[in-house]
Amino acid sequence: MIEKELEERVKKYILLEEEALSKVSICVPDESFLRTFAIDLMNMVKSYFEDAKHFYEKNDLINALSALNYSYGWLDSGVRLGIIDGNSDNRLFTLFK
C-alpha cells in the first residue's frame, strides 16, 4: 500500500517538475556575476532530475523522491532569488510577491 502511494507521488512530482522546467529560463544578463551561478544552478537541477528519473526506472523510489526534492529545491530557490524566471507562476514556484 505505501509503496504504491510512493510510486504515485514520484510520478506526480516528475510530471510537475517537467512542467516547471518547460517554463523556466535564466534571467540574469550574460555580463552579470550571477550568470555563472545561474548556469551552475540549472545544471544541478537537471542533474538531480535526471538522477530521479533513473532511480524511478530502477524502482528505487526513495532515492527518486530524494533526488526530486533536491532538484526542485534548487529550481525553486533560483526562482525565489530572481536569477531564474518562473514566468510568475505561483502554483509551481514560491514567488516573493
PDB file of N, CA and C in Angstrom:
ATOM      1  N   MET A   1       0.826  -1.200   0.000  1.00  0.00           N
ATOM      2  CA  MET A   1       0.000   0.000   0.000  1.00  0.00           C
ATOM      3  C   MET A   1       0.869   1.262   0.000  1.00  0.00           C
ATOM      4  N   ILE A   2       1.830   1.331   0.914  1.00  0.00           N
ATOM      5  CA  ILE A   2       2.697   2.507   0.992  1.00  0.00           C
ATOM      6  C   ILE A   2       3.567   2.629  -0.255  1.00  0.00           C
ATOM      7  N   GLU A   3       4.059   1.509  -0.762  1.00  0.00           N
ATOM      8  CA  GLU A   3       4.904   1.550  -1.954  1.00  0.00           C
ATOM      9  C   GLU A   3       4.134   2.082  -3.160  1.00  0.00           C
ATOM     10  N   LYS A   4       2.880   1.700  -3.301  1.00  0.00           N
ATOM     11  CA  LYS A   4       2.062   2.199  -4.411  1.00  0.00           C
ATOM     12  C   LYS A   4       1.839   3.709  -4.281  1.00  0.00           C
ATOM     13  N   GLU A   5       1.576   4.168  -3.065  1.00  0.00           N
ATOM     14  CA  GLU A   5       1.410   5.598  -2.830  1.00  0.00           C
ATOM     15  C   GLU A   5       2.703   6.353  -3.140  1.00  0.00           C
ATOM     16  N   LEU A   6       3.831   5.793  -2.744  1.00  0.00           N
ATOM     17  CA  LEU A   6       5.128   6.407  -3.018  1.00  0.00           C
ATOM     18  C   LEU A   6       5.376   6.480  -4.523  1.00  0.00           C
ATOM     19  N   GLU A   7       5.067   5.404  -5.229  1.00  0.00           N
ATOM     20  CA  GLU A   7       5.250   5.396  -6.681  1.00  0.00           C
ATOM     21  C   GLU A   7       4.387   6.466  -7.348  1.00  0.00           C
ATOM     22  N   GLU A   8       3.143   6.585  -6.927  1.00  0.00           N
ATOM     23  CA  GLU A   8       2.247   7.601  -7.489  1.00  0.00           C
ATOM     24  C   GLU A   8       2.767   9.012  -7.210  1.00  0.00           C
ATOM     25  N   ARG A   9       3.279   9.212  -6.022  1.00  0.00           N
ATOM     26  CA  ARG A   9       3.810  10.525  -5.655  1.00  0.00           C
ATOM     27  C   ARG A   9       5.039  10.870  -6.507  1.00  0.00           C
ATOM     28  N   VAL A  10       5.928   9.914  -6.698  1.00  0.00           N
ATOM     29  CA  VAL A  10       7.115  10.153  -7.522  1.00  0.00           C
ATOM     30  C   VAL A  10       6.696  10.486  -8.954  1.00  0.00           C
ATOM     31  N   LYS A  11       5.763   9.724  -9.514  1.00  0.00           N
ATOM     32  CA  LYS A  11       5.278  10.010 -10.876  1.00  0.00           C
ATOM     33  C   LYS A  11       4.700  11.418 -10.955  1.00  0.00           C
ATOM     34  N   LYS A  12       3.905  11.779  -9.948  1.00  0.00           N
ATOM     35  CA  LYS A  12       3.281  13.111  -9.915  1.00  0.00           C
ATOM     36  C   LYS A  12       4.350  14.203  -9.899  1.00  0.00           C
ATOM     37  N   TYR A  13       5.377  14.030  -9.069  1.00  0.00           N
ATOM     38  CA  TYR A  13       6.418  15.050  -8.958  1.00  0.00           C
ATOM     39  C   TYR A  13       7.313  15.111 -10.189  1.00  0.00           C
ATOM     40  N   ILE A  14       7.513  14.001 -10.856  1.00  0.00           N
ATOM     41  CA  ILE A  14       8.261  14.033 -12.119  1.00  0.00           C
ATOM     42  C   ILE A  14       7.496  14.867 -13.141  1.00  0.00           C
ATOM     43  N   LEU A  15       6.197  14.635 -13.259  1.00  0.00           N
ATOM     44  CA  LEU A  15       5.385  15.417 -14.201  1.00  0.00           C
ATOM     45  C   LEU A  15       5.353  16.894 -13.824  1.00  0.00           C
ATOM     46  N   LEU A  16       5.260  17.171 -12.526  1.00  0.00           N
ATOM     47  CA  LEU A  16       5.243  18.550 -12.053  1.00  0.00           C
ATOM     48  C   LEU A  16       6.557  19.257 -12.396  1.00  0.00           C
ATOM     49  N   GLU A  17       7.669  18.562 -12.192  1.00  0.00           N
ATOM     50  CA  GLU A  17       8.956  19.194 -12.495  1.00  0.00           C
ATOM     51  C   GLU A  17       9.162  19.351 -13.995  1.00  0.00           C
ATOM     52  N   GLU A  18       8.682  18.411 -14.791  1.00  0.00           N
ATOM     53  CA  GLU A  18       8.763  18.584 -16.243  1.00  0.00           C
ATOM     54  C   GLU A  18       8.010  19.832 -16.672  1.00  0.00           C
ATOM     55  N   GLU A  19       6.844  20.053 -16.079  1.00  0.00           N
ATOM     56  CA  GLU A  19       6.069  21.262 -16.372  1.00  0.00           C
ATOM     57  C   GLU A  19       6.847  22.504 -15.943  1.00  0.00           C
ATOM     58  N   ALA A  20       7.417  22.461 -14.749  1.00  0.00           N
ATOM     59  CA  ALA A  20       8.170  23.608 -14.243  1.00  0.00           C
ATOM     60  C   ALA A  20       9.371  23.909 -15.136  1.00  0.00           C
ATOM     61  N   LEU A  21      10.099  22.875 -15.521  1.00  0.00           N
ATOM     62  CA  LEU A  21      11.284  23.081 -16.361  1.00  0.00           C
ATOM     63  C   LEU A  21      10.925  23.658 -17.728  1.00  0.00           C
ATOM     64  N   SER A  22       9.735  23.368 -18.216  1.00  0.00           N
ATOM     65  CA  SER A  22       9.326  23.911 -19.516  1.00  0.00           C
ATOM     66  C   SER A  22       9.038  25.413 -19.439  1.00  0.00           C
ATOM     67  N   LYS A  23       8.901  25.937 -18.222  1.00  0.00           N
ATOM     68  CA  LYS A  23       8.551  27.350 -18.046  1.00  0.00           C
ATOM     69  C   LYS A  23       9.722  28.244 -17.656  1.00  0.00           C
ATOM     70  N   VAL A  24      10.831  27.680 -17.264  1.00  0.00           N
ATOM     71  CA  VAL A  24      11.892  28.495 -16.683  1.00  0.00           C
ATOM     72  C   VAL A  24      12.968  28.877 -17.694  1.00  0.00           C
ATOM     73  N   SER A  25      13.652  29.960 -17.358  1.00  0.00           N
ATOM     74  CA  SER A  25      14.825  30.391 -18.118  1.00  0.00           C
ATOM     75  C   SER A  25      15.707  31.222 -17.187  1.00  0.00           C
ATOM     76  N   ILE A  26      16.967  31.257 -17.509  1.00  0.00           N
ATOM     77  CA  ILE A  26      17.892  32.112 -16.756  1.00  0.00           C
ATOM     78  C   ILE A  26      17.569  33.554 -17.114  1.00  0.00           C
ATOM     79  N   CYS A  27      17.492  34.408 -16.091  1.00  0.00           N
ATOM     80  CA  CYS A  27      17.053  35.777 -16.371  1.00  0.00           C
ATOM     81  C   CYS A  27      18.058  36.846 -15.928  1.00  0.00           C
ATOM     82  N   VAL A  28      19.305  36.451 -15.741  1.00  0.00           N
ATOM     83  CA  VAL A  28      20.332  37.449 -15.434  1.00  0.00           C
ATOM     84  C   VAL A  28      21.144  37.699 -16.704  1.00  0.00           C
ATOM     85  N   PRO A  29      21.633  38.915 -16.880  1.00  0.00           N
ATOM     86  CA  PRO A  29      22.391  39.234 -18.091  1.00  0.00           C
ATOM     87  C   PRO A  29      23.663  38.393 -18.218  1.00  0.00           C
ATOM     88  N   ASP A  30      24.089  38.195 -19.440  1.00  0.00           N
ATOM     89  CA  ASP A  30      25.319  37.437 -19.699  1.00  0.00           C
ATOM     90  C   ASP A  30      26.518  38.027 -18.976  1.00  0.00           C
ATOM     91  N   GLU A  31      26.542  39.338 -18.803  1.00  0.00           N
ATOM     92  CA  GLU A  31      27.686  40.016 -18.191  1.00  0.00           C
ATOM     93  C   GLU A  31      27.638  40.004 -16.658  1.00  0.00           C
ATOM     94  N   SER A  32      26.570  39.509 -16.098  1.00  0.00           N
ATOM     95  CA  SER A  32      26.391  39.526 -14.648  1.00  0.00           C
ATOM     96  C   SER A  32      27.259  38.474 -13.969  1.00  0.00           C
ATOM     97  N   PHE A  33      27.743  38.809 -12.762  1.00  0.00           N
ATOM     98  CA  PHE A  33      28.466  37.830 -11.958  1.00  0.00           C
ATOM     99  C   PHE A  33      27.566  36.637 -11.616  1.00  0.00           C
ATOM    100  N   LEU A  34      26.278  36.877 -11.562  1.00  0.00           N
ATOM    101  CA  LEU A  34      25.342  35.819 -11.212  1.00  0.00           C
ATOM    102  C   LEU A  34      25.061  34.848 -12.360  1.00  0.00           C
ATOM    103  N   ARG A  35      25.489  35.171 -13.565  1.00  0.00           N
ATOM    104  CA  ARG A  35      25.229  34.297 -14.720  1.00  0.00           C
ATOM    105  C   ARG A  35      25.842  32.912 -14.510  1.00  0.00           C
ATOM    106  N   THR A  36      27.087  32.866 -14.062  1.00  0.00           N
ATOM    107  CA  THR A  36      27.751  31.579 -13.825  1.00  0.00           C
ATOM    108  C   THR A  36      27.019  30.799 -12.746  1.00  0.00           C
ATOM    109  N   PHE A  37      26.607  31.480 -11.686  1.00  0.00           N
ATOM    110  CA  PHE A  37      25.857  30.818 -10.626  1.00  0.00           C
ATOM    111  C   PHE A  37      24.543  30.257 -11.161  1.00  0.00           C
ATOM    112  N   ALA A  38      23.843  31.020 -11.986  1.00  0.00           N
ATOM    113  CA  ALA A  38      22.567  30.576 -12.541  1.00  0.00           C
ATOM    114  C   ALA A  38      22.752  29.350 -13.436  1.00  0.00           C
ATOM    115  N   ILE A  39      23.802  29.355 -14.223  1.00  0.00           N
ATOM    116  CA  ILE A  39      24.089  28.201 -15.086  1.00  0.00           C
ATOM    117  C   ILE A  39      24.404  26.980 -14.228  1.00  0.00           C
ATOM    118  N   ASP A  40      25.235  27.160 -13.204  1.00  0.00           N
ATOM    119  CA  ASP A  40      25.546  26.053 -12.291  1.00  0.00           C
ATOM    120  C   ASP A  40      24.289  25.535 -11.602  1.00  0.00           C
ATOM    121  N   LEU A  41      23.430  26.448 -11.168  1.00  0.00           N
ATOM    122  CA  LEU A  41      22.186  26.057 -10.514  1.00  0.00           C
ATOM    123  C   LEU A  41      21.331  25.203 -11.439  1.00  0.00           C
ATOM    124  N   MET A  42      21.174  25.633 -12.683  1.00  0.00           N
ATOM    125  CA  MET A  42      20.365  24.866 -13.621  1.00  0.00           C
ATOM    126  C   MET A  42      21.010  23.514 -13.932  1.00  0.00           C
ATOM    127  N   ASN A  43      22.329  23.454 -13.951  1.00  0.00           N
ATOM    128  CA  ASN A  43      22.998  22.163 -14.137  1.00  0.00           C
ATOM    129  C   ASN A  43      22.697  21.227 -12.968  1.00  0.00           C
ATOM    130  N   MET A  44      22.673  21.766 -11.746  1.00  0.00           N
ATOM    131  CA  MET A  44      22.328  20.963 -10.571  1.00  0.00           C
ATOM    132  C   MET A  44      20.891  20.466 -10.678  1.00  0.00           C
ATOM    133  N   VAL A  45      19.989  21.349 -11.058  1.00  0.00           N
ATOM    134  CA  VAL A  45      18.580  20.983 -11.217  1.00  0.00           C
ATOM    135  C   VAL A  45      18.454  19.819 -12.198  1.00  0.00           C
ATOM    136  N   LYS A  46      19.055  19.984 -13.356  1.00  0.00           N
ATOM    137  CA  LYS A  46      18.921  18.964 -14.402  1.00  0.00           C
ATOM    138  C   LYS A  46      19.603  17.654 -14.004  1.00  0.00           C
ATOM    139  N   SER A  47      20.743  17.748 -13.337  1.00  0.00           N
ATOM    140  CA  SER A  47      21.443  16.531 -12.908  1.00  0.00           C
ATOM    141  C   SER A  47      20.622  15.744 -11.895  1.00  0.00           C
ATOM    142  N   TYR A  48      20.132  16.428 -10.875  1.00  0.00           N
ATOM    143  CA  TYR A  48      19.309  15.748  -9.875  1.00  0.00           C
ATOM    144  C   TYR A  48      18.013  15.217 -10.492  1.00  0.00           C
ATOM    145  N   PHE A  49      17.445  15.938 -11.441  1.00  0.00           N
ATOM    146  CA  PHE A  49      16.217  15.477 -12.081  1.00  0.00           C
ATOM    147  C   PHE A  49      16.475  14.218 -12.906  1.00  0.00           C
ATOM    148  N   GLU A  50      17.585  14.207 -13.640  1.00  0.00           N
ATOM    149  CA  GLU A  50      17.943  13.000 -14.393  1.00  0.00           C
ATOM    150  C   GLU A  50      18.201  11.824 -13.452  1.00  0.00           C
ATOM    151  N   ASP A  51      18.857  12.104 -12.321  1.00  0.00           N
ATOM    152  CA  ASP A  51      19.064  11.052 -11.315  1.00  0.00           C
ATOM    153  C   ASP A  51      17.720  10.514 -10.825  1.00  0.00           C
ATOM    154  N   ALA A  52      16.786  11.410 -10.568  1.00  0.00           N
ATOM    155  CA  ALA A  52      15.468  10.995 -10.077  1.00  0.00           C
ATOM    156  C   ALA A  52      14.781  10.066 -11.071  1.00  0.00           C
ATOM    157  N   LYS A  53      14.829  10.421 -12.343  1.00  0.00           N
ATOM    158  CA  LYS A  53      14.201   9.572 -13.357  1.00  0.00           C
ATOM    159  C   LYS A  53      14.908   8.224 -13.462  1.00  0.00           C
ATOM    160  N   HIS A  54      16.226   8.232 -13.340  1.00  0.00           N
ATOM    161  CA  HIS A  54      16.994   6.984 -13.362  1.00  0.00           C
ATOM    162  C   HIS A  54      16.595   6.087 -12.184  1.00  0.00           C
ATOM    163  N   PHE A  55      16.545   6.665 -10.988  1.00  0.00           N
ATOM    164  CA  PHE A  55      16.146   5.891  -9.816  1.00  0.00           C
ATOM    165  C   PHE A  55      14.722   5.353  -9.966  1.00  0.00           C
ATOM    166  N   TYR A  56      13.835   6.174 -10.530  1.00  0.00           N
ATOM    167  CA  TYR A  56      12.465   5.742 -10.736  1.00  0.00           C
ATOM    168  C   TYR A  56      12.407   4.531 -11.677  1.00  0.00           C
ATOM    169  N   GLU A  57      13.167   4.602 -12.766  1.00  0.00           N
ATOM    170  CA  GLU A  57      13.210   3.488 -13.713  1.00  0.00           C
ATOM    171  C   GLU A  57      13.740   2.209 -13.062  1.00  0.00           C
ATOM    172  N   LYS A  58      14.610   2.356 -12.078  1.00  0.00           N
ATOM    173  CA  LYS A  58      15.177   1.207 -11.362  1.00  0.00           C
ATOM    174  C   LYS A  58      14.292   0.782 -10.183  1.00  0.00           C
ATOM    175  N   ASN A  59      13.141   1.437 -10.034  1.00  0.00           N
ATOM    176  CA  ASN A  59      12.205   1.196  -8.935  1.00  0.00           C
ATOM    177  C   ASN A  59      12.824   1.495  -7.568  1.00  0.00           C
ATOM    178  N   ASP A  60      13.778   2.404  -7.554  1.00  0.00           N
ATOM    179  CA  ASP A  60      14.383   2.887  -6.304  1.00  0.00           C
ATOM    180  C   ASP A  60      13.653   4.177  -5.932  1.00  0.00           C
ATOM    181  N   LEU A  61      12.465   4.012  -5.382  1.00  0.00           N
ATOM    182  CA  LEU A  61      11.551   5.138  -5.190  1.00  0.00           C
ATOM    183  C   LEU A  61      12.016   6.122  -4.120  1.00  0.00           C
ATOM    184  N   ILE A  62      12.666   5.627  -3.080  1.00  0.00           N
ATOM    185  CA  ILE A  62      13.155   6.525  -2.021  1.00  0.00           C
ATOM    186  C   ILE A  62      14.214   7.468  -2.586  1.00  0.00           C
ATOM    187  N   ASN A  63      15.177   6.935  -3.320  1.00  0.00           N
ATOM    188  CA  ASN A  63      16.207   7.799  -3.909  1.00  0.00           C
ATOM    189  C   ASN A  63      15.642   8.681  -5.012  1.00  0.00           C
ATOM    190  N   ALA A  64      14.633   8.194  -5.738  1.00  0.00           N
ATOM    191  CA  ALA A  64      13.980   9.031  -6.749  1.00  0.00           C
ATOM    192  C   ALA A  64      13.329  10.239  -6.099  1.00  0.00           C
ATOM    193  N   LEU A  65      12.604  10.006  -5.021  1.00  0.00           N
ATOM    194  CA  LEU A  65      11.938  11.103  -4.321  1.00  0.00           C
ATOM    195  C   LEU A  65      12.967  12.059  -3.714  1.00  0.00           C
ATOM    196  N   SER A  66      14.024  11.519  -3.176  1.00  0.00           N
ATOM    197  CA  SER A  66      15.082  12.363  -2.602  1.00  0.00           C
ATOM    198  C   SER A  66      15.711  13.248  -3.671  1.00  0.00           C
ATOM    199  N   ALA A  67      16.033  12.684  -4.822  1.00  0.00           N
ATOM    200  CA  ALA A  67      16.638  13.462  -5.908  1.00  0.00           C
ATOM    201  C   ALA A  67      15.660  14.519  -6.427  1.00  0.00           C
ATOM    202  N   LEU A  68      14.377  14.172  -6.483  1.00  0.00           N
ATOM    203  CA  LEU A  68      13.376  15.158  -6.895  1.00  0.00           C
ATOM    204  C   LEU A  68      13.314  16.326  -5.922  1.00  0.00           C
ATOM    205  N   ASN A  69      13.403  16.032  -4.636  1.00  0.00           N
ATOM    206  CA  ASN A  69      13.374  17.104  -3.638  1.00  0.00           C
ATOM    207  C   ASN A  69      14.562  18.042  -3.799  1.00  0.00           C
ATOM    208  N   TYR A  70      15.741  17.492  -4.015  1.00  0.00           N
ATOM    209  CA  TYR A  70      16.912  18.342  -4.242  1.00  0.00           C
ATOM    210  C   TYR A  70      16.741  19.164  -5.511  1.00  0.00           C
ATOM    211  N   SER A  71      16.332  18.503  -6.586  1.00  0.00           N
ATOM    212  CA  SER A  71      16.191  19.182  -7.868  1.00  0.00           C
ATOM    213  C   SER A  71      15.201  20.335  -7.792  1.00  0.00           C
ATOM    214  N   TYR A  72      14.026  20.061  -7.253  1.00  0.00           N
ATOM    215  CA  TYR A  72      13.006  21.106  -7.196  1.00  0.00           C
ATOM    216  C   TYR A  72      13.389  22.192  -6.206  1.00  0.00           C
ATOM    217  N   GLY A  73      14.077  21.811  -5.149  1.00  0.00           N
ATOM    218  CA  GLY A  73      14.553  22.805  -4.186  1.00  0.00           C
ATOM    219  C   GLY A  73      15.511  23.797  -4.829  1.00  0.00           C
ATOM    220  N   TRP A  74      16.453  23.275  -5.619  1.00  0.00           N
ATOM    221  CA  TRP A  74      17.375  24.151  -6.340  1.00  0.00           C
ATOM    222  C   TRP A  74      16.605  25.061  -7.292  1.00  0.00           C
ATOM    223  N   LEU A  75      15.670  24.467  -8.034  1.00  0.00           N
ATOM    224  CA  LEU A  75      14.909  25.244  -9.012  1.00  0.00           C
ATOM    225  C   LEU A  75      14.080  26.332  -8.342  1.00  0.00           C
ATOM    226  N   ASP A  76      13.357  25.972  -7.312  1.00  0.00           N
ATOM    227  CA  ASP A  76      12.515  26.937  -6.612  1.00  0.00           C
ATOM    228  C   ASP A  76      13.359  28.038  -5.972  1.00  0.00           C
ATOM    229  N   SER A  77      14.521  27.676  -5.463  1.00  0.00           N
ATOM    230  CA  SER A  77      15.423  28.684  -4.883  1.00  0.00           C
ATOM    231  C   SER A  77      15.878  29.684  -5.937  1.00  0.00           C
ATOM    232  N   GLY A  78      16.224  29.185  -7.108  1.00  0.00           N
ATOM    233  CA  GLY A  78      16.647  30.079  -8.191  1.00  0.00           C
ATOM    234  C   GLY A  78      15.557  31.047  -8.598  1.00  0.00           C
ATOM    235  N   VAL A  79      14.325  30.561  -8.638  1.00  0.00           N
ATOM    236  CA  VAL A  79      13.192  31.432  -8.970  1.00  0.00           C
ATOM    237  C   VAL A  79      12.991  32.449  -7.851  1.00  0.00           C
ATOM    238  N   ARG A  80      13.032  31.986  -6.630  1.00  0.00           N
ATOM    239  CA  ARG A  80      12.821  32.869  -5.470  1.00  0.00           C
ATOM    240  C   ARG A  80      13.896  33.960  -5.410  1.00  0.00           C
ATOM    241  N   LEU A  81      15.145  33.596  -5.750  1.00  0.00           N
ATOM    242  CA  LEU A  81      16.238  34.571  -5.737  1.00  0.00           C
ATOM    243  C   LEU A  81      16.179  35.544  -6.910  1.00  0.00           C
ATOM    244  N   GLY A  82      15.432  35.203  -7.946  1.00  0.00           N
ATOM    245  CA  GLY A  82      15.296  36.094  -9.094  1.00  0.00           C
ATOM    246  C   GLY A  82      16.344  35.882 -10.168  1.00  0.00           C
ATOM    247  N   ILE A  83      17.071  34.775 -10.118  1.00  0.00           N
ATOM    248  CA  ILE A  83      18.043  34.514 -11.189  1.00  0.00           C
ATOM    249  C   ILE A  83      17.491  33.543 -12.229  1.00  0.00           C
ATOM    250  N   ILE A  84      16.388  32.893 -11.872  1.00  0.00           N
ATOM    251  CA  ILE A  84      15.659  32.028 -12.795  1.00  0.00           C
ATOM    252  C   ILE A  84      14.255  32.603 -12.919  1.00  0.00           C
ATOM    253  N   ASP A  85      13.796  32.767 -14.151  1.00  0.00           N
ATOM    254  CA  ASP A  85      12.457  33.303 -14.400  1.00  0.00           C
ATOM    255  C   ASP A  85      11.459  32.148 -14.395  1.00  0.00           C
ATOM    256  N   GLY A  86      10.508  32.191 -13.483  1.00  0.00           N
ATOM    257  CA  GLY A  86       9.458  31.185 -13.391  1.00  0.00           C
ATOM    258  C   GLY A  86       8.163  31.636 -14.026  1.00  0.00           C
ATOM    259  N   ASN A  87       8.227  32.678 -14.839  1.00  0.00           N
ATOM    260  CA  ASN A  87       7.054  33.201 -15.548  1.00  0.00           C
ATOM    261  C   ASN A  87       5.895  33.526 -14.613  1.00  0.00           C
ATOM    262  N   SER A  88       6.223  34.051 -13.442  1.00  0.00           N
ATOM    263  CA  SER A  88       5.219  34.489 -12.460  1.00  0.00           C
ATOM    264  C   SER A  88       4.229  33.393 -12.066  1.00  0.00           C
ATOM    265  N   ASP A  89       4.658  32.135 -12.161  1.00  0.00           N
ATOM    266  CA  ASP A  89       3.780  31.011 -11.841  1.00  0.00           C
ATOM    267  C   ASP A  89       3.869  30.694 -10.352  1.00  0.00           C
ATOM    268  N   ASN A  90       2.914  31.206  -9.589  1.00  0.00           N
ATOM    269  CA  ASN A  90       2.950  30.982  -8.138  1.00  0.00           C
ATOM    270  C   ASN A  90       2.353  29.629  -7.733  1.00  0.00           C
ATOM    271  N   ARG A  91       1.900  28.850  -8.692  1.00  0.00           N
ATOM    272  CA  ARG A  91       1.476  27.478  -8.407  1.00  0.00           C
ATOM    273  C   ARG A  91       2.692  26.547  -8.392  1.00  0.00           C
ATOM    274  N   LEU A  92       3.622  26.781  -9.296  1.00  0.00           N
ATOM    275  CA  LEU A  92       4.807  25.927  -9.405  1.00  0.00           C
ATOM    276  C   LEU A  92       5.974  26.409  -8.560  1.00  0.00           C
ATOM    277  N   PHE A  93       6.024  27.697  -8.265  1.00  0.00           N
ATOM    278  CA  PHE A  93       7.189  28.271  -7.600  1.00  0.00           C
ATOM    279  C   PHE A  93       6.778  29.146  -6.415  1.00  0.00           C
ATOM    280  N   THR A  94       7.696  29.267  -5.468  1.00  0.00           N
ATOM    281  CA  THR A  94       7.494  30.138  -4.319  1.00  0.00           C
ATOM    282  C   THR A  94       8.006  31.524  -4.695  1.00  0.00           C
ATOM    283  N   LEU A  95       7.103  32.384  -5.087  1.00  0.00           N
ATOM    284  CA  LEU A  95       7.484  33.719  -5.532  1.00  0.00           C
ATOM    285  C   LEU A  95       7.529  34.680  -4.360  1.00  0.00           C
ATOM    286  N   PHE A  96       8.323  35.736  -4.510  1.00  0.00           N
ATOM    287  CA  PHE A  96       8.463  36.732  -3.448  1.00  0.00           C
ATOM    288  C   PHE A  96       7.176  37.479  -3.219  1.00  0.00           C
ATOM    289  N   LYS A  97       6.510  37.868  -4.276  1.00  0.00           N
ATOM    290  CA  LYS A  97       5.257  38.641  -4.150  1.00  0.00           C
ATOM    291  C   LYS A  97       4.124  37.881  -4.770  1.00  0.00           C
TER     292      LYS A  97
END
